[in-house]
C-alpha cells in the first residue's frame, strides 16, 4: 500500500517537472510564452504532434474498479459504550453480481488540463473473524432500547480480542461511494504518425464526499442503513490513456486516497449510535471514454 502511494506521488512530480521543462533549456521567455499559450504538446519519444486540440471539449467516461484498503481504526460510540477496534482489516468485493463502477464527466480548460466531476461506487467488507486490539468501555447493556453485550462487556486498554459476527459485522457493499471533483493534467508519451492515435500520461488530484450505505450489526442488532454523507476524501492519481482518435479512448488509473468518516450509521438508531473510521484506499479504475 505504501509503495503505491509513493508511485502516485512520483507521477505527480513528473507532471510538475514536465510543465516546467518546456521550450529550450535556459530560455525563461520561451517557457513563459509556452505556459500562457495553448499549444498542442509534443510527444516525449518522437517529434509528432496531435492534429487536434482538446481545449474546450467535454468528455464522458465510464468503467469499473477494484480496490485495496489499509488497516484502520473504527470507533463505536453510543449509550453505554465507547470503544475502538484497532488495525481492522477490510477488503472489496469486485466479483459479486453488482458491479463496482465509476462514472466521470469533465471539461478541458486547456489542451493539457481538465476538470471533472465523478461518482465512484466501491465496496468495503470488514473481515470476520479477526484478531485485533480494543480500547474503551462496553457496558453490559448498550444503546436504547438496550442490547445485551454478554462476554464482550468490560473496560479495555489495548487487549487483544476476536471480532466475531456475533459481536460485529460491517460492510459498505451498497457501497463505499465517493462523489468527487478532480483536476487533471495530460502529457503525450507517444503520438503515431497519423497524428490522431496517441498514448498519454494522466495525473491529477481530487477531493469529495463519502456517501456510504453501511450494513452493520452491533452485538446482533443492526440494519442495512440509508445513504448518508459520512465524511470527506482526498486523493491523487496517475494513469495511462490510449487515444484511438480525437474522440474515443480507454484509460487505466491508479488512485491513492484517504477517507475520513465521522458519521457512519450502525444499529439504525441514527440519533444515538454511530461509528467513525479513517482509512487509506487504493483504487484501480478502468474506463472507456468519449470526447465531444
C-alpha atoms as a PDB file:
ATOM      1  CA  UNK A   1       0.000   0.000   0.000  1.00  0.00           C
ATOM      2  CA  UNK A   2       2.749   2.497   0.933  1.00  0.00           C
ATOM      3  CA  UNK A   3       4.732   1.754  -2.250  1.00  0.00           C
ATOM      4  CA  UNK A   4       1.648   2.522  -4.357  1.00  0.00           C
ATOM      5  CA  UNK A   5       1.258   5.882  -2.624  1.00  0.00           C
ATOM      6  CA  UNK A   6       4.906   6.630  -3.485  1.00  0.00           C
ATOM      7  CA  UNK A   7       4.264   5.669  -7.126  1.00  0.00           C
ATOM      8  CA  UNK A   8       1.383   8.140  -7.380  1.00  0.00           C
ATOM      9  CA  UNK A   9       3.426  10.933  -5.762  1.00  0.00           C
ATOM     10  CA  UNK A  10       6.339  10.333  -8.164  1.00  0.00           C
ATOM     11  CA  UNK A  11       3.958  10.592 -11.120  1.00  0.00           C
ATOM     12  CA  UNK A  12       2.640  13.910  -9.797  1.00  0.00           C
ATOM     13  CA  UNK A  13       6.214  15.184  -9.535  1.00  0.00           C
ATOM     14  CA  UNK A  14       6.741  14.175 -13.178  1.00  0.00           C
ATOM     15  CA  UNK A  15       3.643  16.215 -14.055  1.00  0.00           C
ATOM     16  CA  UNK A  16       5.124  19.294 -12.364  1.00  0.00           C
ATOM     17  CA  UNK A  17       8.557  18.845 -13.926  1.00  0.00           C
ATOM     18  CA  UNK A  18       7.048  18.467 -17.400  1.00  0.00           C
ATOM     19  CA  UNK A  19       5.164  21.744 -17.012  1.00  0.00           C
ATOM     20  CA  UNK A  20       8.454  23.461 -16.184  1.00  0.00           C
ATOM     21  CA  UNK A  21      10.684  21.748 -18.776  1.00  0.00           C
ATOM     22  CA  UNK A  22       9.178  23.215 -21.946  1.00  0.00           C
ATOM     23  CA  UNK A  23      10.888  25.192 -24.683  1.00  0.00           C
ATOM     24  CA  UNK A  24      14.670  25.425 -24.973  1.00  0.00           C
ATOM     25  CA  UNK A  25      16.790  24.990 -21.897  1.00  0.00           C
ATOM     26  CA  UNK A  26      17.554  28.284 -20.149  1.00  0.00           C
ATOM     27  CA  UNK A  27      15.037  30.337 -22.129  1.00  0.00           C
ATOM     28  CA  UNK A  28      12.791  31.884 -19.478  1.00  0.00           C
ATOM     29  CA  UNK A  29      10.904  33.953 -22.039  1.00  0.00           C
ATOM     30  CA  UNK A  30      10.116  30.885 -24.161  1.00  0.00           C
ATOM     31  CA  UNK A  31       8.842  28.986 -21.120  1.00  0.00           C
ATOM     32  CA  UNK A  32       6.617  31.885 -20.083  1.00  0.00           C
ATOM     33  CA  UNK A  33       5.125  32.211 -23.547  1.00  0.00           C
ATOM     34  CA  UNK A  34       4.526  28.462 -23.774  1.00  0.00           C
ATOM     35  CA  UNK A  35       2.665  28.308 -20.464  1.00  0.00           C
ATOM     36  CA  UNK A  36       0.429  31.211 -21.459  1.00  0.00           C
ATOM     37  CA  UNK A  37      -0.463  29.759 -24.838  1.00  0.00           C
ATOM     38  CA  UNK A  38      -2.477  26.635 -25.538  1.00  0.00           C
ATOM     39  CA  UNK A  39      -0.104  24.843 -27.892  1.00  0.00           C
ATOM     40  CA  UNK A  40      -0.569  21.148 -28.520  1.00  0.00           C
ATOM     41  CA  UNK A  41       2.052  19.158 -26.615  1.00  0.00           C
ATOM     42  CA  UNK A  42       4.789  17.253 -28.397  1.00  0.00           C
ATOM     43  CA  UNK A  43       5.376  13.541 -27.810  1.00  0.00           C
ATOM     44  CA  UNK A  44       8.091  12.548 -25.336  1.00  0.00           C
ATOM     45  CA  UNK A  45       9.521   9.898 -27.688  1.00  0.00           C
ATOM     46  CA  UNK A  46       9.150  11.428 -31.131  1.00  0.00           C
ATOM     47  CA  UNK A  47       8.582  14.816 -32.749  1.00  0.00           C
ATOM     48  CA  UNK A  48       4.963  14.203 -33.705  1.00  0.00           C
ATOM     49  CA  UNK A  49       2.193  16.493 -32.523  1.00  0.00           C
ATOM     50  CA  UNK A  50      -1.509  15.743 -32.461  1.00  0.00           C
ATOM     51  CA  UNK A  51      -3.664  17.013 -35.314  1.00  0.00           C
ATOM     52  CA  UNK A  52      -6.293  18.266 -32.856  1.00  0.00           C
ATOM     53  CA  UNK A  53      -6.569  20.183 -29.615  1.00  0.00           C
ATOM     54  CA  UNK A  54      -8.655  19.060 -26.654  1.00  0.00           C
ATOM     55  CA  UNK A  55      -9.273  22.600 -25.371  1.00  0.00           C
ATOM     56  CA  UNK A  56     -12.991  23.349 -24.969  1.00  0.00           C
ATOM     57  CA  UNK A  57     -14.006  19.700 -25.357  1.00  0.00           C
ATOM     58  CA  UNK A  58     -16.178  17.831 -22.877  1.00  0.00           C
ATOM     59  CA  UNK A  59     -15.834  14.144 -22.090  1.00  0.00           C
ATOM     60  CA  UNK A  60     -17.765  11.311 -20.525  1.00  0.00           C
ATOM     61  CA  UNK A  61     -16.115   8.116 -19.270  1.00  0.00           C
ATOM     62  CA  UNK A  62     -17.489   5.038 -17.526  1.00  0.00           C
ATOM     63  CA  UNK A  63     -15.830   1.922 -16.196  1.00  0.00           C
ATOM     64  CA  UNK A  64     -15.215  -0.350 -13.243  1.00  0.00           C
ATOM     65  CA  UNK A  65     -12.814  -0.637 -10.327  1.00  0.00           C
ATOM     66  CA  UNK A  66     -11.220  -2.946  -7.819  1.00  0.00           C
ATOM     67  CA  UNK A  67      -9.751  -1.568  -4.629  1.00  0.00           C
ATOM     68  CA  UNK A  68      -7.484  -2.269  -1.685  1.00  0.00           C
ATOM     69  CA  UNK A  69      -7.780  -0.864   1.829  1.00  0.00           C
ATOM     70  CA  UNK A  70      -5.207  -0.220   4.514  1.00  0.00           C
ATOM     71  CA  UNK A  71      -5.731  -1.273   8.113  1.00  0.00           C
ATOM     72  CA  UNK A  72      -7.831   1.234  10.021  1.00  0.00           C
ATOM     73  CA  UNK A  73      -9.214   2.015  13.461  1.00  0.00           C
ATOM     74  CA  UNK A  74     -13.007   2.069  13.906  1.00  0.00           C
ATOM     75  CA  UNK A  75     -14.613   3.812  16.882  1.00  0.00           C
ATOM     76  CA  UNK A  76     -18.127   2.929  18.060  1.00  0.00           C
ATOM     77  CA  UNK A  77     -19.991   5.371  20.275  1.00  0.00           C
ATOM     78  CA  UNK A  78     -23.427   5.407  21.916  1.00  0.00           C
ATOM     79  CA  UNK A  79     -25.281   4.971  25.210  1.00  0.00           C
ATOM     80  CA  UNK A  80     -23.274   2.623  27.450  1.00  0.00           C
ATOM     81  CA  UNK A  81     -20.285   2.184  25.128  1.00  0.00           C
ATOM     82  CA  UNK A  82     -17.356   4.000  23.559  1.00  0.00           C
ATOM     83  CA  UNK A  83     -14.694   1.670  22.182  1.00  0.00           C
ATOM     84  CA  UNK A  84     -12.169   1.479  19.363  1.00  0.00           C
ATOM     85  CA  UNK A  85     -11.090  -1.548  17.356  1.00  0.00           C
ATOM     86  CA  UNK A  86      -7.526  -1.059  16.105  1.00  0.00           C
ATOM     87  CA  UNK A  87      -5.990  -2.093  12.786  1.00  0.00           C
ATOM     88  CA  UNK A  88      -9.166  -3.574  11.343  1.00  0.00           C
ATOM     89  CA  UNK A  89      -8.659  -5.349   8.005  1.00  0.00           C
ATOM     90  CA  UNK A  90     -11.130  -4.940   5.154  1.00  0.00           C
ATOM     91  CA  UNK A  91     -11.457  -5.953   1.503  1.00  0.00           C
ATOM     92  CA  UNK A  92     -13.569  -5.166  -1.532  1.00  0.00           C
ATOM     93  CA  UNK A  93     -15.961  -7.473  -3.444  1.00  0.00           C
ATOM     94  CA  UNK A  94     -15.305  -6.912  -7.147  1.00  0.00           C
ATOM     95  CA  UNK A  95     -16.585 -10.303  -8.240  1.00  0.00           C
ATOM     96  CA  UNK A  96     -20.160 -10.028  -6.951  1.00  0.00           C
ATOM     97  CA  UNK A  97     -23.039  -9.602  -9.414  1.00  0.00           C
ATOM     98  CA  UNK A  98     -23.427  -5.913  -8.552  1.00  0.00           C
ATOM     99  CA  UNK A  99     -20.573  -4.178 -10.365  1.00  0.00           C
ATOM    100  CA  UNK A 100     -18.119  -1.773  -8.740  1.00  0.00           C
ATOM    101  CA  UNK A 101     -18.433   1.091 -11.214  1.00  0.00           C
ATOM    102  CA  UNK A 102     -17.229   4.634 -11.961  1.00  0.00           C
ATOM    103  CA  UNK A 103     -18.822   7.442 -13.991  1.00  0.00           C
ATOM    104  CA  UNK A 104     -16.963  10.719 -14.651  1.00  0.00           C
ATOM    105  CA  UNK A 105     -17.710  13.800 -16.789  1.00  0.00           C
ATOM    106  CA  UNK A 106     -15.254  16.603 -17.469  1.00  0.00           C
ATOM    107  CA  UNK A 107     -14.189  19.638 -19.467  1.00  0.00           C
ATOM    108  CA  UNK A 108     -10.803  20.577 -20.952  1.00  0.00           C
ATOM    109  CA  UNK A 109      -9.931  24.099 -19.810  1.00  0.00           C
ATOM    110  CA  UNK A 110      -6.718  23.798 -21.882  1.00  0.00           C
ATOM    111  CA  UNK A 111      -5.379  21.175 -24.247  1.00  0.00           C
ATOM    112  CA  UNK A 112      -3.477  19.514 -21.381  1.00  0.00           C
ATOM    113  CA  UNK A 113      -5.669  20.329 -18.336  1.00  0.00           C
ATOM    114  CA  UNK A 114      -9.189  19.298 -17.419  1.00  0.00           C
ATOM    115  CA  UNK A 115     -11.633  19.454 -14.511  1.00  0.00           C
ATOM    116  CA  UNK A 116     -14.171  16.725 -13.808  1.00  0.00           C
ATOM    117  CA  UNK A 117     -16.962  15.511 -11.555  1.00  0.00           C
ATOM    118  CA  UNK A 118     -17.337  11.820 -10.805  1.00  0.00           C
ATOM    119  CA  UNK A 119     -19.080   9.105  -8.855  1.00  0.00           C
ATOM    120  CA  UNK A 120     -17.067   6.085  -7.687  1.00  0.00           C
ATOM    121  CA  UNK A 121     -19.007   3.071  -6.405  1.00  0.00           C
ATOM    122  CA  UNK A 122     -16.520   0.973  -4.423  1.00  0.00           C
ATOM    123  CA  UNK A 123     -17.176  -1.689  -1.787  1.00  0.00           C
ATOM    124  CA  UNK A 124     -15.709  -2.424   1.626  1.00  0.00           C
ATOM    125  CA  UNK A 125     -16.236  -5.506   3.802  1.00  0.00           C
ATOM    126  CA  UNK A 126     -14.698  -5.884   7.260  1.00  0.00           C
ATOM    127  CA  UNK A 127     -13.126  -9.328   7.552  1.00  0.00           C
ATOM    128  CA  UNK A 128     -14.548 -11.609  10.272  1.00  0.00           C
ATOM    129  CA  UNK A 129     -13.404 -13.221  12.393  1.00  0.00           C
ATOM    130  CA  UNK A 130     -10.168 -11.383  13.036  1.00  0.00           C
ATOM    131  CA  UNK A 131      -7.889 -10.726  15.996  1.00  0.00           C
ATOM    132  CA  UNK A 132      -7.466  -7.029  16.896  1.00  0.00           C
ATOM    133  CA  UNK A 133      -6.685  -4.778  19.838  1.00  0.00           C
ATOM    134  CA  UNK A 134      -9.505  -2.974  21.636  1.00  0.00           C
ATOM    135  CA  UNK A 135      -9.612   0.041  23.927  1.00  0.00           C
ATOM    136  CA  UNK A 136     -12.543   1.765  25.656  1.00  0.00           C
ATOM    137  CA  UNK A 137     -15.695   0.754  27.514  1.00  0.00           C
ATOM    138  CA  UNK A 138     -18.533  -1.667  26.699  1.00  0.00           C
ATOM    139  CA  UNK A 139     -21.352  -1.817  29.243  1.00  0.00           C
ATOM    140  CA  UNK A 140     -23.456  -4.909  29.995  1.00  0.00           C
ATOM    141  CA  UNK A 141     -26.351  -3.156  28.215  1.00  0.00           C
ATOM    142  CA  UNK A 142     -25.809  -0.652  25.393  1.00  0.00           C
ATOM    143  CA  UNK A 143     -27.911   1.596  23.155  1.00  0.00           C
ATOM    144  CA  UNK A 144     -31.634   2.300  23.655  1.00  0.00           C
ATOM    145  CA  UNK A 145     -33.656   0.043  23.630  1.00  0.00           C
ATOM    146  CA  UNK A 146     -30.919  -1.866  25.392  1.00  0.00           C
ATOM    147  CA  UNK A 147     -28.793  -4.515  23.712  1.00  0.00           C
ATOM    148  CA  UNK A 148     -27.051  -7.117  25.926  1.00  0.00           C
ATOM    149  CA  UNK A 149     -23.342  -7.426  25.193  1.00  0.00           C
ATOM    150  CA  UNK A 150     -22.686 -10.706  27.036  1.00  0.00           C
ATOM    151  CA  UNK A 151     -18.992 -11.667  27.288  1.00  0.00           C
ATOM    152  CA  UNK A 152     -17.859  -8.501  25.488  1.00  0.00           C
ATOM    153  CA  UNK A 153     -18.754  -6.197  28.409  1.00  0.00           C
ATOM    154  CA  UNK A 154     -15.760  -4.626  30.154  1.00  0.00           C
ATOM    155  CA  UNK A 155     -13.104  -1.932  30.187  1.00  0.00           C
ATOM    156  CA  UNK A 156     -10.279  -2.363  27.679  1.00  0.00           C
ATOM    157  CA  UNK A 157      -6.807  -0.844  27.435  1.00  0.00           C
ATOM    158  CA  UNK A 158      -5.315  -2.450  24.348  1.00  0.00           C
ATOM    159  CA  UNK A 159      -6.105  -6.113  24.963  1.00  0.00           C
ATOM    160  CA  UNK A 160      -6.471  -8.485  22.044  1.00  0.00           C
ATOM    161  CA  UNK A 161      -9.968  -9.649  21.171  1.00  0.00           C
ATOM    162  CA  UNK A 162     -11.528 -11.782  18.456  1.00  0.00           C
ATOM    163  CA  UNK A 163     -14.074  -9.816  16.456  1.00  0.00           C
ATOM    164  CA  UNK A 164     -16.678 -12.441  15.525  1.00  0.00           C
ATOM    165  CA  UNK A 165     -20.008 -11.925  13.698  1.00  0.00           C
ATOM    166  CA  UNK A 166     -21.942 -12.115  16.991  1.00  0.00           C
ATOM    167  CA  UNK A 167     -20.030  -9.001  18.108  1.00  0.00           C
ATOM    168  CA  UNK A 168     -19.824  -7.036  14.872  1.00  0.00           C
ATOM    169  CA  UNK A 169     -20.327  -7.193  11.131  1.00  0.00           C
ATOM    170  CA  UNK A 170     -19.699  -4.095   8.995  1.00  0.00           C
ATOM    171  CA  UNK A 171     -19.726  -3.563   5.256  1.00  0.00           C
ATOM    172  CA  UNK A 172     -20.337  -0.904   2.645  1.00  0.00           C
ATOM    173  CA  UNK A 173     -21.357  -3.115  -0.259  1.00  0.00           C
ATOM    174  CA  UNK A 174     -24.158  -0.861  -1.417  1.00  0.00           C
ATOM    175  CA  UNK A 175     -21.344   0.915  -1.432  1.00  0.00           C
ATOM    176  CA  UNK A 176     -18.321   2.805  -0.305  1.00  0.00           C
ATOM    177  CA  UNK A 177     -19.447   5.667  -2.564  1.00  0.00           C
ATOM    178  CA  UNK A 178     -17.408   8.773  -3.343  1.00  0.00           C
ATOM    179  CA  UNK A 179     -18.769  11.889  -5.091  1.00  0.00           C
ATOM    180  CA  UNK A 180     -15.685  13.817  -6.154  1.00  0.00           C
ATOM    181  CA  UNK A 181     -14.127  16.594  -8.218  1.00  0.00           C
ATOM    182  CA  UNK A 182     -10.740  16.193  -9.932  1.00  0.00           C
ATOM    183  CA  UNK A 183      -8.130  18.379 -11.600  1.00  0.00           C
ATOM    184  CA  UNK A 184      -6.094  16.520 -14.246  1.00  0.00           C
ATOM    185  CA  UNK A 185      -3.003  17.133 -16.387  1.00  0.00           C
ATOM    186  CA  UNK A 186      -2.166  15.253 -19.617  1.00  0.00           C
ATOM    187  CA  UNK A 187       1.270  14.655 -21.189  1.00  0.00           C
ATOM    188  CA  UNK A 188       1.659  12.904 -24.532  1.00  0.00           C
ATOM    189  CA  UNK A 189       4.051   9.977 -24.184  1.00  0.00           C
ATOM    190  CA  UNK A 190       3.775   8.778 -27.791  1.00  0.00           C
ATOM    191  CA  UNK A 191       1.941  10.050 -30.882  1.00  0.00           C
ATOM    192  CA  UNK A 192       1.512   7.946 -34.008  1.00  0.00           C
ATOM    193  CA  UNK A 193       2.485   9.186 -37.451  1.00  0.00           C
ATOM    194  CA  UNK A 194      -1.189   9.658 -38.312  1.00  0.00           C
ATOM    195  CA  UNK A 195      -1.206  12.314 -35.518  1.00  0.00           C
ATOM    196  CA  UNK A 196      -4.539  11.021 -34.166  1.00  0.00           C
ATOM    197  CA  UNK A 197      -3.590   7.892 -32.211  1.00  0.00           C
ATOM    198  CA  UNK A 198      -1.591   8.521 -29.043  1.00  0.00           C
ATOM    199  CA  UNK A 199      -0.590   7.320 -25.580  1.00  0.00           C
ATOM    200  CA  UNK A 200      -0.978   9.917 -22.811  1.00  0.00           C
ATOM    201  CA  UNK A 201       0.048  10.103 -19.165  1.00  0.00           C
ATOM    202  CA  UNK A 202      -2.764  11.405 -16.939  1.00  0.00           C
ATOM    203  CA  UNK A 203      -2.023  12.752 -13.439  1.00  0.00           C
ATOM    204  CA  UNK A 204      -4.377  14.505 -11.066  1.00  0.00           C
ATOM    205  CA  UNK A 205      -5.666  15.345  -7.614  1.00  0.00           C
ATOM    206  CA  UNK A 206      -9.191  15.249  -6.241  1.00  0.00           C
ATOM    207  CA  UNK A 207     -11.462  15.732  -3.247  1.00  0.00           C
ATOM    208  CA  UNK A 208     -15.040  14.869  -2.417  1.00  0.00           C
ATOM    209  CA  UNK A 209     -17.579  13.448  -0.004  1.00  0.00           C
ATOM    210  CA  UNK A 210     -18.154   9.857   1.090  1.00  0.00           C
ATOM    211  CA  UNK A 211     -21.761   8.623   0.876  1.00  0.00           C
ATOM    212  CA  UNK A 212     -21.760   5.027   2.130  1.00  0.00           C
ATOM    213  CA  UNK A 213     -24.658   2.715   2.700  1.00  0.00           C
ATOM    214  CA  UNK A 214     -23.463   0.909   5.794  1.00  0.00           C
ATOM    215  CA  UNK A 215     -24.793  -2.527   6.680  1.00  0.00           C
ATOM    216  CA  UNK A 216     -23.887  -3.082  10.331  1.00  0.00           C
ATOM    217  CA  UNK A 217     -24.828  -5.439  13.136  1.00  0.00           C
ATOM    218  CA  UNK A 218     -23.509  -4.488  16.559  1.00  0.00           C
ATOM    219  CA  UNK A 219     -23.982  -7.236  19.167  1.00  0.00           C
ATOM    220  CA  UNK A 220     -26.586  -8.773  16.846  1.00  0.00           C
ATOM    221  CA  UNK A 221     -28.636  -5.611  16.254  1.00  0.00           C
ATOM    222  CA  UNK A 222     -28.431  -3.560  13.095  1.00  0.00           C
ATOM    223  CA  UNK A 223     -29.729  -2.920   9.608  1.00  0.00           C
ATOM    224  CA  UNK A 224     -28.823  -2.017   6.032  1.00  0.00           C
ATOM    225  CA  UNK A 225     -28.835   1.716   6.679  1.00  0.00           C
ATOM    226  CA  UNK A 226     -29.874   4.539   4.378  1.00  0.00           C
ATOM    227  CA  UNK A 227     -27.306   6.514   2.413  1.00  0.00           C
ATOM    228  CA  UNK A 228     -25.751   9.441   4.268  1.00  0.00           C
ATOM    229  CA  UNK A 229     -22.864  11.886   3.976  1.00  0.00           C
ATOM    230  CA  UNK A 230     -20.427  10.263   6.368  1.00  0.00           C
ATOM    231  CA  UNK A 231     -17.298  12.348   5.728  1.00  0.00           C
ATOM    232  CA  UNK A 232     -14.786  13.538   3.147  1.00  0.00           C
ATOM    233  CA  UNK A 233     -11.991  12.180   0.999  1.00  0.00           C
ATOM    234  CA  UNK A 234      -8.864  13.418  -0.813  1.00  0.00           C
ATOM    235  CA  UNK A 235      -6.844  11.587  -3.452  1.00  0.00           C
ATOM    236  CA  UNK A 236      -4.053  11.665  -6.034  1.00  0.00           C
ATOM    237  CA  UNK A 237      -3.918   9.549  -9.185  1.00  0.00           C
ATOM    238  CA  UNK A 238      -1.879   8.626 -12.218  1.00  0.00           C
ATOM    239  CA  UNK A 239      -2.644   6.523 -15.267  1.00  0.00           C
ATOM    240  CA  UNK A 240      -2.247   5.867 -18.976  1.00  0.00           C
ATOM    241  CA  UNK A 241      -4.763   6.857 -21.659  1.00  0.00           C
ATOM    242  CA  UNK A 242      -4.758   5.285 -25.122  1.00  0.00           C
ATOM    243  CA  UNK A 243      -6.460   7.578 -27.651  1.00  0.00           C
ATOM    244  CA  UNK A 244      -7.771   5.820 -30.750  1.00  0.00           C
ATOM    245  CA  UNK A 245      -8.573   9.207 -32.293  1.00  0.00           C
ATOM    246  CA  UNK A 246      -9.755  12.620 -31.099  1.00  0.00           C
ATOM    247  CA  UNK A 247     -12.983  11.197 -29.656  1.00  0.00           C
ATOM    248  CA  UNK A 248     -12.555   7.640 -28.336  1.00  0.00           C
ATOM    249  CA  UNK A 249     -10.111   6.426 -25.693  1.00  0.00           C
ATOM    250  CA  UNK A 250      -9.509   3.880 -22.944  1.00  0.00           C
ATOM    251  CA  UNK A 251      -7.929   4.790 -19.610  1.00  0.00           C
ATOM    252  CA  UNK A 252      -6.379   2.848 -16.720  1.00  0.00           C
ATOM    253  CA  UNK A 253      -5.747   4.730 -13.473  1.00  0.00           C
ATOM    254  CA  UNK A 254      -4.249   4.079 -10.049  1.00  0.00           C
ATOM    255  CA  UNK A 255      -5.702   6.382  -7.367  1.00  0.00           C
ATOM    256  CA  UNK A 256      -4.448   6.650  -3.782  1.00  0.00           C
ATOM    257  CA  UNK A 257      -6.994   8.150  -1.402  1.00  0.00           C
ATOM    258  CA  UNK A 258      -7.709   8.975   2.221  1.00  0.00           C
ATOM    259  CA  UNK A 259     -11.247   8.928   3.658  1.00  0.00           C
ATOM    260  CA  UNK A 260     -12.261  10.489   6.974  1.00  0.00           C
ATOM    261  CA  UNK A 261     -15.736   9.317   8.005  1.00  0.00           C
ATOM    262  CA  UNK A 262     -17.064  10.547  11.346  1.00  0.00           C
ATOM    263  CA  UNK A 263     -20.779   9.813  10.900  1.00  0.00           C
ATOM    264  CA  UNK A 264     -21.278   6.158   9.991  1.00  0.00           C
ATOM    265  CA  UNK A 265     -24.734   4.722  10.683  1.00  0.00           C
ATOM    266  CA  UNK A 266     -24.678   1.463  12.674  1.00  0.00           C
ATOM    267  CA  UNK A 267     -27.688  -0.014  14.536  1.00  0.00           C
ATOM    268  CA  UNK A 268     -30.281   2.058  12.673  1.00  0.00           C
ATOM    269  CA  UNK A 269     -30.747   4.264  15.744  1.00  0.00           C
ATOM    270  CA  UNK A 270     -29.006   7.094  13.998  1.00  0.00           C
ATOM    271  CA  UNK A 271     -29.665   9.766  16.625  1.00  0.00           C
ATOM    272  CA  UNK A 272     -27.735   7.880  19.337  1.00  0.00           C
ATOM    273  CA  UNK A 273     -25.486   5.200  17.785  1.00  0.00           C
ATOM    274  CA  UNK A 274     -22.667   5.958  15.339  1.00  0.00           C
ATOM    275  CA  UNK A 275     -19.188   4.956  14.269  1.00  0.00           C
ATOM    276  CA  UNK A 276     -16.159   6.727  12.787  1.00  0.00           C
ATOM    277  CA  UNK A 277     -13.345   5.451  10.591  1.00  0.00           C
ATOM    278  CA  UNK A 278     -10.267   6.895   8.871  1.00  0.00           C
ATOM    279  CA  UNK A 279      -8.992   4.729   6.059  1.00  0.00           C
ATOM    280  CA  UNK A 280      -6.433   4.758   3.233  1.00  0.00           C
ATOM    281  CA  UNK A 281      -7.503   3.154  -0.006  1.00  0.00           C
ATOM    282  CA  UNK A 282      -6.043   2.346  -3.400  1.00  0.00           C
ATOM    283  CA  UNK A 283      -8.464   2.282  -6.331  1.00  0.00           C
ATOM    284  CA  UNK A 284      -7.662   0.720  -9.707  1.00  0.00           C
ATOM    285  CA  UNK A 285     -10.014   2.121 -12.337  1.00  0.00           C
ATOM    286  CA  UNK A 286     -10.549   1.171 -15.991  1.00  0.00           C
ATOM    287  CA  UNK A 287     -12.554   3.472 -18.296  1.00  0.00           C
ATOM    288  CA  UNK A 288     -13.943   3.719 -21.791  1.00  0.00           C
ATOM    289  CA  UNK A 289     -14.306   7.376 -22.757  1.00  0.00           C
ATOM    290  CA  UNK A 290     -15.757   9.715 -25.389  1.00  0.00           C
ATOM    291  CA  UNK A 291     -14.846  13.382 -26.054  1.00  0.00           C
ATOM    292  CA  UNK A 292     -17.291  15.745 -27.756  1.00  0.00           C
END
